Amino acid sequence: MIRMLLRVLGYEYAQAMRRTVAMMTVTAIAEGLSYALLVPVLQALLGGKPGDAGPWLIAFGAAVAVYAVLRYRSDLSGMRVGTMMLRGMYYRLGEHLARLPIGWYNAGRVGEVSVMASRGLLQAMGVAAHLLAPFISALVTPLTIVVVMIAFNWQLGLAALIAAPIVAAIQAWTARSMAAIDAERHERDKEATGRVIEFLQAQPVLRAGGRTGERFKLLDDSLQEVQRASRRTVLGTLPGTVGLTLTVQAIFTVLLVLGTYLALGGNIGAAEVLTILVLGARCVDPLLSLADIGGKLRGARAELARLDTVLSTEPLPEAHEPIQPERHDLEFQSVTFRHGDRTVIDDLSLSVPQGQRLAVVGPSGAGKSTLLQLLARFYDLDQGAVRVGGVDVRSIGTEELMAKIAIVFQDVYLFDGTIEENVRLGRPDASEAEVRAAATAARVDEVIARLPGGWETNVGEGGALLSGGERQRVSIARALLKNAPIVLLDEVTSALDPVNEAAVHEGIERLMAGRMVVMAAHRLRTVQRADHIVFMDGGRIVEEGTHDELLRRGGRYADFWNISMAPVASE
């Protein structure tokens, strides 16, 4: 367990963890040894010389005080290590998730990552803070007491020692039998979390369909499955809990019978028998707590295994000696990219001179957005090369590549904060005047003027308090503030009203000025001024040229243009 924890988090925490485990072990031994002092105390009290118990009582009190100090220090150390590991794990997981290929983030992982990043991390990293001390105490303290019992009377001590392998066997059997149930419970939790997110996101659709008074059946079914899995978990733990309880009680009964037999035979006095039974009774509570602690440790171990799986997922490799391109021309050379069993880009070659505007058009699923994502190295290719300034993007450091590219997506995500904070993401060290200038250029100032809190207005999670066009303006302001030499535009005006579309177009024109631009678009009116246009279908370039050249050819692009202009002509 500890080995897996250190492997998942990193061995830089090994020294602090070993120190904490050692301190907790010493504390548990001190607790067991303190009970050894009860032997002379009880012997004196029950043997007819109660006055002799005084010094032993003082020694017992001092031992308890030492144990209390050790327990405080070990618990504090466990809490500090747990907090430090939790903070480190959040950083490590966040950095790793940021380096994974975009294709890793399929729909099924939304619930998984949500559970992992919240309850899962707390459960896994809570081992040091909350579970390690009671677990070590439940194991080491009874064993220490058994050693004391062996030193006091070897027959009774060996009888108590019989419980150790039986308890270990029960714990191992319970862990094996619960593995499948725990895995099923996790799957049900993950599915339910995904359904809750889906239910919240589907509110506009549900309300538009007049289903606000109805329950969401998919969510109800998932929650019922969670309830069933929870019931199976409880039922699955019963045999181990009952078996552990019966074993502990049986061993205590054996001690009682054996002690009585030895006392009747004259081998040991009644006071000694009572002393042994008191020590045996003190072993009962820690051993019985193993069932509950074991269940929590299994859950933590399962979360650690899932974290280990995620952290073992290979991110995009970084160049050992990154090359910084001096130019910003673009080249796609025999690029092939597959997503699962589907070939999204098929042996595509394309060159774009520095400073030009490239427009990529075509039907849905043609590979337009993927082409932009390959340029930004959201994925790695299966074959071929993508170059910026003559340098393969795989040979450019990730930070350097991202510094050269500003991206405006169709679906804009804003963080839960103010508009200014979201604009500043483009360049956090920008001055206030630069932020205001970028916002004005993207016509965000018009949005701010309408908001009651102005610049300090919170936009909500995902920018939910702004309209799609307003979010798009903030995204353009962010890109303007970044001032990168290469701009990627992905369907940025595909679903805007005329007012926002005009504002966004104005912002885009300012963003594109003097920069290398690659834009993907359905609405062909946005690409007329491009220096070069490629028409894609099925992951291949089927036509390319300027707007006028493609119209004269009367091919696929001309058909798309005529269809897109038909509503305008009819008006």
Protein backbone atom coordinates (compact mmCIF):
# COMPACT_ATOMS: atom_id res chain seq x y z
CA MET A 1 0.00 0.00 0.00
CA ILE A 2 2.72 2.48 1.03
CA ARG A 3 4.84 1.43 -1.95
CA MET A 4 1.96 2.10 -4.35
CA LEU A 5 1.25 5.43 -2.65
CA LEU A 6 4.85 6.55 -3.13
CA ARG A 7 4.95 5.30 -6.71
CA VAL A 8 1.79 7.23 -7.56
CA LEU A 9 2.83 10.44 -5.82
CA GLY A 10 6.58 10.34 -6.24
CA TYR A 11 9.44 9.10 -4.11
CA GLU A 12 10.34 12.62 -2.98
CA TYR A 13 7.80 12.01 -0.22
CA ALA A 14 9.40 8.69 0.84
CA GLN A 15 11.51 10.09 3.67
CA ALA A 16 8.60 11.96 5.28
CA MET A 17 6.35 8.91 4.90
CA ARG A 18 8.93 6.52 6.41
CA ARG A 19 9.47 8.91 9.32
CA THR A 20 5.73 9.06 9.93
CA VAL A 21 5.29 5.26 9.73
CA ALA A 22 8.21 4.77 12.14
CA MET A 23 6.73 7.26 14.60
CA MET A 24 3.30 5.61 14.41
CA THR A 25 4.88 2.18 14.97
CA VAL A 26 6.79 3.41 18.01
CA THR A 27 3.57 4.96 19.32
CA ALA A 28 1.69 1.67 18.92
CA ILE A 29 4.48 -0.24 20.69
CA ALA A 30 4.48 2.33 23.50
CA GLU A 31 0.73 1.85 23.88
CA GLY A 32 1.15 -1.93 24.14
CA LEU A 33 4.05 -1.65 26.61
CA SER A 34 2.09 0.75 28.79
CA TYR A 35 -0.48 -1.99 29.29
CA ALA A 36 2.35 -4.28 30.44
CA LEU A 37 2.55 -2.11 33.56
CA LEU A 38 -0.97 -3.20 34.43
CA VAL A 39 0.43 -6.65 35.23
CA PRO A 40 2.25 -5.66 38.48
CA VAL A 41 -0.56 -3.22 39.34
CA LEU A 42 -3.23 -5.90 39.14
CA GLN A 43 -1.00 -8.46 40.82
CA ALA A 44 -0.56 -6.12 43.78
CA LEU A 45 -4.23 -5.17 43.96
CA LEU A 46 -5.53 -8.72 43.61
CA GLY A 47 -2.70 -10.46 45.46
CA GLY A 48 -3.33 -8.99 48.89
CA LYS A 49 -0.67 -6.24 48.82
CA PRO A 50 -2.52 -3.18 47.44
CA GLY A 51 0.13 -0.84 48.84
CA ASP A 52 2.69 -2.22 46.41
CA ALA A 53 0.56 -0.96 43.49
CA GLY A 54 1.43 2.73 44.13
CA PRO A 55 4.81 2.91 42.37
CA TRP A 56 3.50 0.84 39.49
CA LEU A 57 0.50 3.15 39.12
CA ILE A 58 2.85 6.13 38.92
CA ALA A 59 4.92 4.33 36.30
CA PHE A 60 1.73 3.46 34.41
CA GLY A 61 0.62 7.10 34.47
CA ALA A 62 4.02 8.23 33.19
CA ALA A 63 3.88 5.63 30.39
CA VAL A 64 0.40 6.82 29.40
CA ALA A 65 1.67 10.42 29.33
CA VAL A 66 4.58 9.40 27.07
CA TYR A 67 2.15 7.52 24.84
CA ALA A 68 -0.14 10.57 24.66
CA VAL A 69 2.75 12.80 23.54
CA LEU A 70 3.86 10.24 20.96
CA ARG A 71 0.31 9.84 19.70
CA TYR A 72 -0.10 13.60 19.32
CA ARG A 73 3.20 13.90 17.46
CA SER A 74 2.49 10.91 15.18
CA ASP A 75 -1.06 12.05 14.38
CA LEU A 76 0.21 15.56 13.64
CA SER A 77 2.94 14.14 11.41
CA GLY A 78 0.38 12.00 9.58
CA MET A 79 -1.87 15.01 9.04
CA ARG A 80 0.99 17.13 7.73
CA VAL A 81 2.24 14.42 5.41
CA GLY A 82 -1.30 13.73 4.21
CA THR A 83 -1.91 17.42 3.49
CA MET A 84 1.45 17.77 1.75
CA MET A 85 0.78 14.66 -0.35
CA LEU A 86 -2.74 15.81 -1.24
CA ARG A 87 -1.43 19.17 -2.44
CA GLY A 88 1.36 17.47 -4.36
CA MET A 89 -1.07 14.98 -5.89
CA TYR A 90 -3.38 17.74 -7.11
CA TYR A 91 -0.43 19.47 -8.78
CA ARG A 92 0.91 16.25 -10.29
CA LEU A 93 -2.48 15.08 -11.54
CA GLY A 94 -3.29 18.52 -12.96
CA GLU A 95 0.03 18.80 -14.77
CA HIS A 96 -0.29 15.25 -16.13
CA LEU A 97 -3.86 15.78 -17.34
CA ALA A 98 -2.72 18.95 -19.11
CA ARG A 99 -0.09 16.95 -21.02
CA LEU A 100 -2.33 14.07 -22.11
CA PRO A 101 -3.53 14.00 -25.73
CA ILE A 102 -6.92 15.61 -26.29
CA GLY A 103 -8.16 12.28 -27.66
CA TRP A 104 -7.79 10.76 -24.17
CA TYR A 105 -10.66 12.93 -22.96
CA ASN A 106 -13.59 10.96 -24.31
CA ALA A 107 -17.12 11.38 -22.96
CA GLY A 108 -16.82 8.40 -20.61
CA ARG A 109 -13.98 10.02 -18.68
CA VAL A 110 -15.92 13.09 -17.55
CA GLY A 111 -17.47 11.28 -14.61
CA GLU A 112 -14.28 9.31 -13.94
CA VAL A 113 -12.04 12.37 -13.70
CA SER A 114 -14.67 14.24 -11.66
CA VAL A 115 -14.84 11.45 -9.06
CA MET A 116 -11.06 10.98 -9.09
CA ALA A 117 -10.23 14.67 -8.67
CA SER A 118 -12.63 15.13 -5.78
CA ARG A 119 -13.58 12.18 -3.60
CA GLY A 120 -11.00 9.81 -5.07
CA LEU A 121 -7.99 11.99 -4.27
CA LEU A 122 -9.25 12.77 -0.77
CA GLN A 123 -9.80 9.08 -0.11
CA ALA A 124 -6.42 8.01 -1.46
CA MET A 125 -4.37 10.78 0.14
CA GLY A 126 -6.32 10.46 3.42
CA VAL A 127 -4.41 7.24 4.12
CA ALA A 128 -1.54 9.04 5.84
CA ALA A 129 -3.78 11.51 7.66
CA HIS A 130 -6.61 9.27 8.85
CA LEU A 131 -6.06 5.55 8.21
CA LEU A 132 -2.38 4.78 8.73
CA ALA A 133 -2.24 5.46 12.48
CA PRO A 134 -5.31 3.38 13.44
CA PHE A 135 -4.23 0.58 11.06
CA ILE A 136 -0.72 0.37 12.54
CA SER A 137 -2.17 0.61 16.03
CA ALA A 138 -4.68 -2.17 15.31
CA LEU A 139 -1.82 -4.45 14.20
CA VAL A 140 1.15 -3.51 16.37
CA THR A 141 -0.53 -2.81 19.72
CA PRO A 142 -2.20 -6.27 20.01
CA LEU A 143 1.06 -7.97 18.93
CA THR A 144 2.98 -6.02 21.59
CA ILE A 145 0.44 -7.06 24.20
CA VAL A 146 0.74 -10.70 23.08
CA VAL A 147 4.54 -10.50 23.51
CA VAL A 148 3.96 -9.21 27.05
CA MET A 149 1.56 -12.08 27.67
CA ILE A 150 4.11 -14.63 26.41
CA ALA A 151 6.73 -13.16 28.74
CA PHE A 152 4.23 -13.39 31.61
CA ASN A 153 2.83 -16.86 30.82
CA TRP A 154 3.92 -18.66 27.67
CA GLN A 155 0.87 -20.96 27.47
CA LEU A 156 -1.65 -18.12 27.53
CA GLY A 157 0.56 -15.98 25.30
CA LEU A 158 0.81 -18.66 22.61
CA ALA A 159 -2.95 -19.23 22.79
CA ALA A 160 -3.48 -15.52 22.11
CA LEU A 161 -0.91 -15.62 19.29
CA ILE A 162 -3.08 -18.14 17.42
CA ALA A 163 -5.41 -15.26 16.51
CA ALA A 164 -2.76 -13.53 14.34
CA PRO A 165 -2.75 -15.89 11.30
CA ILE A 166 -6.52 -16.38 11.53
CA VAL A 167 -7.16 -12.60 11.50
CA ALA A 168 -4.69 -12.18 8.61
CA ALA A 169 -6.43 -14.94 6.63
CA ILE A 170 -9.85 -13.37 7.18
CA GLN A 171 -8.57 -9.96 6.06
CA ALA A 172 -7.01 -11.42 2.91
CA TRP A 173 -10.14 -13.42 2.06
CA THR A 174 -12.36 -10.38 2.59
CA ALA A 175 -10.13 -8.23 0.36
CA ARG A 176 -10.25 -10.80 -2.46
CA SER A 177 -14.01 -11.31 -2.22
CA MET A 178 -14.68 -7.56 -2.13
CA ALA A 179 -12.45 -6.63 -5.10
CA ALA A 180 -15.15 -7.22 -7.75
CA ILE A 181 -17.85 -5.55 -5.63
CA ASP A 182 -15.67 -2.49 -5.03
CA ALA A 183 -14.91 -2.23 -8.76
CA GLU A 184 -18.61 -2.41 -9.61
CA ARG A 185 -19.41 0.24 -7.00
CA HIS A 186 -16.82 2.54 -8.58
CA GLU A 187 -18.29 2.03 -12.05
CA ARG A 188 -21.78 2.82 -10.77
CA ASP A 189 -20.50 5.96 -9.00
CA LYS A 190 -18.71 7.10 -12.15
CA GLU A 191 -21.79 6.54 -14.30
CA ALA A 192 -24.03 8.35 -11.81
CA THR A 193 -21.66 11.33 -11.71
CA GLY A 194 -21.73 11.51 -15.50
CA ARG A 195 -25.53 11.34 -15.48
CA VAL A 196 -25.76 14.15 -12.93
CA ILE A 197 -23.55 16.33 -15.16
CA GLU A 198 -25.67 15.34 -18.17
CA PHE A 199 -28.87 16.15 -16.26
CA LEU A 200 -27.61 19.62 -15.40
CA GLN A 201 -26.41 20.30 -18.94
CA ALA A 202 -29.70 19.01 -20.40
CA GLN A 203 -31.92 21.42 -18.46
CA PRO A 204 -32.64 23.67 -21.48
CA VAL A 205 -33.65 20.64 -23.57
CA LEU A 206 -35.76 19.11 -20.80
CA ARG A 207 -37.56 22.39 -20.14
CA ALA A 208 -38.08 23.07 -23.82
CA GLY A 209 -39.67 19.61 -24.05
CA GLY A 210 -42.00 20.34 -21.15
CA ARG A 211 -40.41 17.72 -18.92
CA THR A 212 -39.54 19.92 -15.95
CA GLY A 213 -41.91 18.00 -13.68
CA GLU A 214 -40.62 14.60 -14.69
CA ARG A 215 -37.65 12.74 -13.39
CA PHE A 216 -34.71 12.11 -15.66
CA LYS A 217 -34.97 8.36 -16.20
CA LEU A 218 -31.31 7.81 -17.05
CA LEU A 219 -30.27 9.58 -13.85
CA ASP A 220 -32.84 7.66 -11.79
CA ASP A 221 -31.59 4.37 -13.19
CA SER A 222 -27.99 5.26 -12.40
CA LEU A 223 -28.82 6.25 -8.83
CA GLN A 224 -30.75 3.03 -8.35
CA GLU A 225 -27.72 1.09 -9.57
CA VAL A 226 -25.57 2.98 -7.03
CA GLN A 227 -28.05 1.99 -4.32
CA ARG A 228 -27.93 -1.66 -5.39
CA ALA A 229 -24.13 -1.61 -5.53
CA SER A 230 -24.02 -0.06 -2.04
CA ARG A 231 -26.29 -2.80 -0.74
CA ARG A 232 -24.07 -5.46 -2.29
CA THR A 233 -21.05 -3.78 -0.69
CA VAL A 234 -22.64 -3.92 2.75
CA LEU A 235 -23.72 -7.54 2.31
CA GLY A 236 -20.30 -8.45 0.96
CA THR A 237 -18.51 -7.09 4.03
CA LEU A 238 -20.75 -8.95 6.49
CA PRO A 239 -18.99 -12.36 6.27
CA GLY A 240 -15.59 -10.80 6.96
CA THR A 241 -16.91 -8.62 9.80
CA VAL A 242 -18.81 -11.48 11.42
CA GLY A 243 -15.89 -13.88 10.91
CA LEU A 244 -13.45 -11.43 12.51
CA THR A 245 -15.79 -10.84 15.47
CA LEU A 246 -16.32 -14.57 16.04
CA THR A 247 -12.58 -15.25 15.81
CA VAL A 248 -11.72 -12.57 18.37
CA GLN A 249 -14.45 -13.74 20.73
CA ALA A 250 -13.41 -17.37 20.28
CA ILE A 251 -9.77 -16.61 21.12
CA PHE A 252 -10.87 -14.67 24.21
CA THR A 253 -12.97 -17.67 25.25
CA VAL A 254 -9.96 -19.97 24.73
CA LEU A 255 -7.90 -17.71 26.98
CA LEU A 256 -10.61 -17.83 29.64
CA VAL A 257 -10.90 -21.63 29.51
CA LEU A 258 -7.12 -22.16 29.43
CA GLY A 259 -6.58 -19.71 32.27
CA THR A 260 -9.20 -21.42 34.36
CA TYR A 261 -7.60 -24.79 33.65
CA LEU A 262 -4.16 -23.53 34.63
CA ALA A 263 -5.52 -21.89 37.78
CA LEU A 264 -7.34 -25.05 38.86
CA GLY A 265 -4.14 -27.03 38.27
CA GLY A 266 -2.20 -24.67 40.48
CA ASN A 267 0.10 -23.51 37.70
CA ILE A 268 -1.08 -19.91 37.94
CA GLY A 269 -3.01 -17.81 40.42
CA ALA A 270 -6.42 -16.23 39.96
CA ALA A 271 -4.88 -12.75 39.98
CA GLU A 272 -2.60 -13.70 37.09
CA VAL A 273 -5.53 -15.13 35.13
CA LEU A 274 -7.51 -11.90 35.56
CA THR A 275 -4.46 -9.90 34.50
CA ILE A 276 -4.09 -11.95 31.32
CA LEU A 277 -7.81 -11.55 30.56
CA VAL A 278 -7.58 -7.78 31.03
CA LEU A 279 -4.67 -7.67 28.57
CA GLY A 280 -6.57 -9.95 26.18
CA ALA A 281 -9.64 -7.72 26.39
CA ARG A 282 -7.47 -4.74 25.47
CA CYS A 283 -6.58 -6.53 22.21
CA VAL A 284 -10.24 -6.95 21.25
CA ASP A 285 -11.11 -3.37 20.20
CA PRO A 286 -8.11 -2.83 17.88
CA LEU A 287 -8.64 -6.20 16.20
CA LEU A 288 -12.36 -5.59 15.67
CA SER A 289 -11.58 -2.18 14.14
CA LEU A 290 -9.57 -3.93 11.43
CA ALA A 291 -12.76 -4.78 9.52
CA ASP A 292 -13.74 -1.12 9.16
CA ILE A 293 -10.18 0.08 8.56
CA GLY A 294 -9.59 -2.71 6.04
CA GLY A 295 -12.62 -1.61 4.01
CA LYS A 296 -11.41 1.97 3.92
CA LEU A 297 -7.91 0.88 2.96
CA ARG A 298 -9.32 -1.24 0.12
CA GLY A 299 -11.19 1.77 -1.18
CA ALA A 300 -8.08 3.93 -0.91
CA ARG A 301 -5.98 1.28 -2.63
CA ALA A 302 -8.51 1.04 -5.47
CA GLU A 303 -8.39 4.82 -5.92
CA LEU A 304 -4.59 4.69 -5.89
CA ALA A 305 -4.68 2.00 -8.58
CA ARG A 306 -6.93 4.18 -10.75
CA LEU A 307 -4.67 7.18 -10.18
CA ASP A 308 -1.69 5.02 -11.07
CA THR A 309 -3.42 4.00 -14.31
CA VAL A 310 -4.05 7.63 -15.28
CA LEU A 311 -0.55 8.76 -14.32
CA SER A 312 0.90 5.82 -16.27
CA THR A 313 -0.85 7.00 -19.43
CA GLU A 314 1.90 8.28 -21.67
CA PRO A 315 1.66 12.02 -22.42
CA LEU A 316 2.88 13.48 -25.66
CA PRO A 317 6.68 13.09 -25.61
CA GLU A 318 8.80 16.20 -25.19
CA ALA A 319 11.92 16.84 -27.28
CA HIS A 320 15.15 16.34 -25.32
CA GLU A 321 16.68 19.36 -27.05
CA PRO A 322 13.80 21.60 -28.19
CA ILE A 323 14.29 23.68 -31.31
CA GLN A 324 12.89 27.19 -31.52
CA PRO A 325 11.65 28.06 -35.04
CA GLU A 326 12.69 31.41 -36.42
CA ARG A 327 9.90 31.63 -39.03
CA HIS A 328 6.16 31.01 -38.94
CA ASP A 329 5.41 29.36 -42.27
CA LEU A 330 3.41 26.11 -42.00
CA GLU A 331 3.79 22.75 -43.70
CA PHE A 332 1.82 19.51 -43.59
CA GLN A 333 3.84 16.72 -45.20
CA SER A 334 2.05 13.42 -46.01
CA VAL A 335 0.06 13.71 -42.78
CA THR A 336 -2.03 10.70 -41.72
CA PHE A 337 -3.96 10.66 -38.46
CA ARG A 338 -6.26 7.95 -37.18
CA HIS A 339 -8.69 8.20 -34.31
CA GLY A 340 -9.58 4.68 -33.23
CA ASP A 341 -10.45 2.70 -36.36
CA ARG A 342 -11.26 5.83 -38.39
CA THR A 343 -8.75 7.64 -40.61
CA VAL A 344 -9.48 11.33 -40.01
CA ILE A 345 -6.61 12.82 -42.07
CA ASP A 346 -5.41 10.74 -45.02
CA ASP A 347 -1.98 11.47 -46.56
CA LEU A 348 -2.50 15.24 -46.62
CA SER A 349 0.21 17.62 -47.83
CA LEU A 350 -0.04 21.41 -47.71
CA SER A 351 2.31 24.43 -47.47
CA VAL A 352 1.38 27.91 -46.26
CA PRO A 353 3.92 30.76 -46.64
CA GLN A 354 4.50 33.02 -43.66
CA GLY A 355 1.98 35.84 -43.24
CA GLN A 356 -0.76 34.29 -45.37
CA ARG A 357 -4.33 33.44 -44.39
CA LEU A 358 -5.37 29.85 -44.98
CA ALA A 359 -9.04 28.87 -44.95
CA VAL A 360 -10.06 25.22 -44.53
CA VAL A 361 -13.64 24.46 -45.58
CA GLY A 362 -15.68 21.36 -46.21
CA PRO A 363 -18.58 19.31 -44.83
CA SER A 364 -18.85 18.20 -41.20
CA GLY A 365 -16.44 15.39 -40.39
CA ALA A 366 -14.05 16.33 -43.20
CA GLY A 367 -11.16 16.82 -40.76
CA LYS A 368 -11.01 20.64 -40.63
CA SER A 369 -10.82 21.02 -36.86
CA THR A 370 -8.47 18.05 -36.59
CA LEU A 371 -6.05 19.81 -38.95
CA LEU A 372 -5.92 22.78 -36.60
CA GLN A 373 -5.50 20.51 -33.59
CA LEU A 374 -2.59 18.70 -35.23
CA LEU A 375 -0.94 22.05 -35.87
CA ALA A 376 -1.32 22.92 -32.17
CA ARG A 377 -0.10 19.39 -31.34
CA PHE A 378 -3.18 18.34 -29.42
CA TYR A 379 -2.46 14.94 -30.97
CA ASP A 380 0.57 13.28 -32.48
CA LEU A 381 0.49 11.99 -36.04
CA ASP A 382 0.46 8.40 -37.19
CA GLN A 383 2.51 9.29 -40.27
CA GLY A 384 4.09 12.37 -41.81
CA ALA A 385 5.08 15.66 -40.21
CA VAL A 386 3.60 19.03 -39.28
CA ARG A 387 6.16 21.86 -39.33
CA VAL A 388 6.21 25.44 -38.09
CA GLY A 389 9.02 27.51 -39.56
CA GLY A 390 10.53 24.33 -40.98
CA VAL A 391 10.67 22.65 -37.55
CA ASP A 392 8.57 19.59 -36.72
CA VAL A 393 6.10 20.50 -33.96
CA ARG A 394 7.31 17.41 -32.08
CA SER A 395 10.75 19.01 -31.87
CA ILE A 396 9.40 22.27 -30.42
CA GLY A 397 8.88 22.56 -26.68
CA THR A 398 5.21 22.57 -25.70
CA GLU A 399 5.40 25.95 -23.95
CA GLU A 400 7.26 27.48 -26.88
CA LEU A 401 4.74 26.10 -29.39
CA MET A 402 1.78 27.34 -27.36
CA ALA A 403 3.41 30.75 -27.00
CA LYS A 404 3.42 31.07 -30.79
CA ILE A 405 -0.23 30.10 -31.25
CA ALA A 406 -3.47 31.83 -30.27
CA ILE A 407 -6.59 29.69 -30.65
CA VAL A 408 -10.22 30.79 -30.82
CA PHE A 409 -12.58 27.83 -30.62
CA GLN A 410 -16.21 27.53 -31.63
CA ASP A 411 -17.16 26.42 -28.10
CA VAL A 412 -15.61 28.96 -25.77
CA TYR A 413 -14.97 28.02 -22.15
CA LEU A 414 -14.64 30.80 -19.60
CA PHE A 415 -13.50 30.15 -16.05
CA ASP A 416 -15.64 31.06 -13.07
CA GLY A 417 -14.25 34.55 -12.46
CA THR A 418 -14.43 38.09 -13.77
CA ILE A 419 -14.17 39.10 -17.43
CA GLU A 420 -10.81 40.72 -16.74
CA GLU A 421 -9.45 37.49 -15.22
CA ASN A 422 -10.58 35.52 -18.27
CA VAL A 423 -9.03 38.02 -20.70
CA ARG A 424 -5.78 38.00 -18.72
CA LEU A 425 -5.39 34.28 -19.37
CA GLY A 426 -3.97 35.30 -22.74
CA ARG A 427 -1.05 37.05 -21.02
CA PRO A 428 -1.18 37.14 -17.21
CA ASP A 429 1.61 39.74 -16.90
CA ALA A 430 -0.12 42.26 -19.20
CA SER A 431 -0.69 45.76 -17.90
CA GLU A 432 -4.17 47.08 -17.19
CA ALA A 433 -3.95 49.36 -20.24
CA GLU A 434 -3.10 46.39 -22.49
CA VAL A 435 -6.03 44.38 -21.14
CA ARG A 436 -8.40 47.30 -21.72
CA ALA A 437 -7.05 47.84 -25.25
CA ALA A 438 -7.55 44.14 -26.16
CA ALA A 439 -11.08 44.22 -24.73
CA THR A 440 -11.93 47.36 -26.72
CA ALA A 441 -10.54 45.87 -29.92
CA ALA A 442 -12.74 42.78 -29.45
CA ARG A 443 -15.72 44.99 -28.48
CA VAL A 444 -15.87 43.45 -25.03
CA ASP A 445 -16.27 46.98 -23.67
CA GLU A 446 -19.83 46.95 -25.06
CA VAL A 447 -20.55 43.79 -23.05
CA ILE A 448 -19.00 45.26 -19.91
CA ALA A 449 -21.11 48.43 -20.24
CA ARG A 450 -24.28 46.30 -20.09
CA LEU A 451 -23.23 44.35 -17.01
CA PRO A 452 -24.17 45.67 -13.54
CA GLY A 453 -20.73 44.91 -12.07
CA GLY A 454 -18.72 46.03 -15.08
CA TRP A 455 -15.24 44.52 -15.14
CA GLU A 456 -15.86 42.84 -11.78
CA THR A 457 -18.91 40.89 -12.99
CA ASN A 458 -18.52 37.17 -12.43
CA VAL A 459 -19.21 35.23 -15.64
CA GLY A 460 -20.13 31.95 -13.90
CA GLU A 461 -18.79 28.48 -14.54
CA GLY A 462 -18.02 28.05 -18.23
CA GLY A 463 -19.16 31.66 -18.82
CA ALA A 464 -22.78 30.60 -18.31
CA LEU A 465 -23.90 34.16 -17.45
CA LEU A 466 -22.84 35.46 -20.88
CA SER A 467 -24.31 34.72 -24.28
CA GLY A 468 -22.42 32.71 -26.88
CA GLY A 469 -21.46 35.84 -28.80
CA GLU A 470 -20.30 37.61 -25.64
CA ARG A 471 -18.15 34.63 -24.68
CA GLN A 472 -16.69 34.64 -28.18
CA ARG A 473 -15.74 38.31 -27.83
CA VAL A 474 -13.93 37.56 -24.54
CA SER A 475 -12.11 34.69 -26.28
CA ILE A 476 -10.97 37.01 -29.09
CA ALA A 477 -9.82 39.62 -26.56
CA ARG A 478 -7.82 36.90 -24.84
CA ALA A 479 -6.18 35.97 -28.16
CA LEU A 480 -5.48 39.63 -28.99
CA LEU A 481 -3.81 40.12 -25.62
CA LYS A 482 -1.63 37.05 -26.19
CA ASN A 483 -0.31 38.65 -29.39
CA ALA A 484 0.90 35.33 -30.85
CA PRO A 485 2.27 35.23 -34.43
CA ILE A 486 0.01 32.32 -35.48
CA VAL A 487 -3.78 32.41 -35.07
CA LEU A 488 -6.09 29.38 -35.34
CA LEU A 489 -9.81 30.05 -35.78
CA ASP A 490 -12.20 27.11 -35.50
CA GLU A 491 -15.78 27.83 -36.64
CA VAL A 492 -15.91 31.00 -34.54
CA THR A 493 -19.08 32.46 -36.12
CA SER A 494 -21.06 29.30 -36.79
CA ALA A 495 -23.90 30.00 -34.33
CA LEU A 496 -24.01 33.74 -33.68
CA ASP A 497 -26.76 36.28 -34.12
CA PRO A 498 -26.13 39.06 -36.68
CA VAL A 499 -25.13 41.68 -34.08
CA ASN A 500 -22.60 39.41 -32.34
CA GLU A 501 -21.42 38.04 -35.67
CA ALA A 502 -20.59 41.54 -36.87
CA ALA A 503 -18.76 42.30 -33.60
CA VAL A 504 -16.86 39.04 -33.71
CA HIS A 505 -15.90 39.59 -37.36
CA GLU A 506 -14.52 42.98 -36.48
CA GLY A 507 -12.51 41.48 -33.62
CA ILE A 508 -11.25 38.67 -35.86
CA GLU A 509 -10.07 41.13 -38.50
CA ARG A 510 -8.03 42.95 -35.90
CA LEU A 511 -6.72 39.65 -34.55
CA MET A 512 -5.66 38.45 -38.01
CA ALA A 513 -3.87 41.66 -38.98
CA GLY A 514 -0.21 40.94 -39.67
CA ARG A 515 -0.38 37.34 -38.46
CA MET A 516 -0.24 33.84 -39.89
CA VAL A 517 -3.87 32.61 -39.85
CA VAL A 518 -5.48 29.21 -40.31
CA MET A 519 -9.26 29.21 -40.11
CA ALA A 520 -11.79 26.39 -40.35
CA ALA A 521 -15.31 27.41 -41.33
CA HIS A 522 -18.71 26.19 -42.50
CA ARG A 523 -20.02 29.67 -43.27
CA LEU A 524 -18.07 30.52 -46.38
CA ARG A 525 -18.62 34.28 -46.19
CA THR A 526 -15.91 34.33 -43.49
CA VAL A 527 -13.21 32.97 -45.82
CA GLN A 528 -13.51 35.16 -48.93
CA ARG A 529 -10.49 37.27 -48.01
CA ALA A 530 -8.24 34.27 -47.33
CA ASP A 531 -5.04 34.09 -49.42
CA HIS A 532 -5.52 30.38 -49.97
CA ILE A 533 -8.52 28.08 -49.53
CA VAL A 534 -8.50 24.28 -49.30
CA PHE A 535 -11.67 22.23 -49.56
CA MET A 536 -11.50 19.02 -47.54
CA ASP A 537 -13.61 15.89 -47.66
CA GLY A 538 -12.88 12.52 -46.11
CA GLY A 539 -9.61 13.73 -44.63
CA ARG A 540 -8.19 14.73 -48.02
CA ILE A 541 -7.80 18.00 -49.94
CA VAL A 542 -10.05 17.77 -52.98
CA GLU A 543 -9.71 21.40 -54.15
CA GLU A 544 -7.50 24.36 -53.38
CA GLY A 545 -6.96 27.89 -54.65
CA THR A 546 -8.23 31.41 -54.06
CA HIS A 547 -11.91 32.21 -53.66
CA ASP A 548 -12.27 33.50 -57.21
CA GLU A 549 -10.32 30.60 -58.73
CA LEU A 550 -12.45 28.01 -56.97
CA LEU A 551 -15.68 29.71 -58.04
CA ARG A 552 -14.54 29.72 -61.68
CA ARG A 553 -13.80 25.99 -61.56
CA GLY A 554 -17.40 25.24 -60.55
CA GLY A 555 -16.39 22.33 -58.29
CA ARG A 556 -17.21 21.35 -54.70
CA TYR A 557 -16.31 24.72 -53.25
CA ALA A 558 -18.52 26.52 -55.78
CA ASP A 559 -21.45 24.23 -54.87
CA PHE A 560 -20.94 24.95 -51.19
CA TRP A 561 -20.72 28.67 -51.89
CA ASN A 562 -23.91 28.72 -53.93
CA ILE A 563 -25.79 26.82 -51.22
CA SER A 564 -24.52 29.11 -48.49
CA MET A 565 -25.47 32.21 -50.50
CA ALA A 566 -28.93 30.96 -51.44
CA PRO A 567 -30.71 32.31 -48.31
CA VAL A 568 -29.05 35.70 -48.81
CA ALA A 569 -30.17 35.82 -52.45
CA SER A 570 -33.74 34.87 -51.57
CA GLU A 571 -33.92 37.68 -49.04
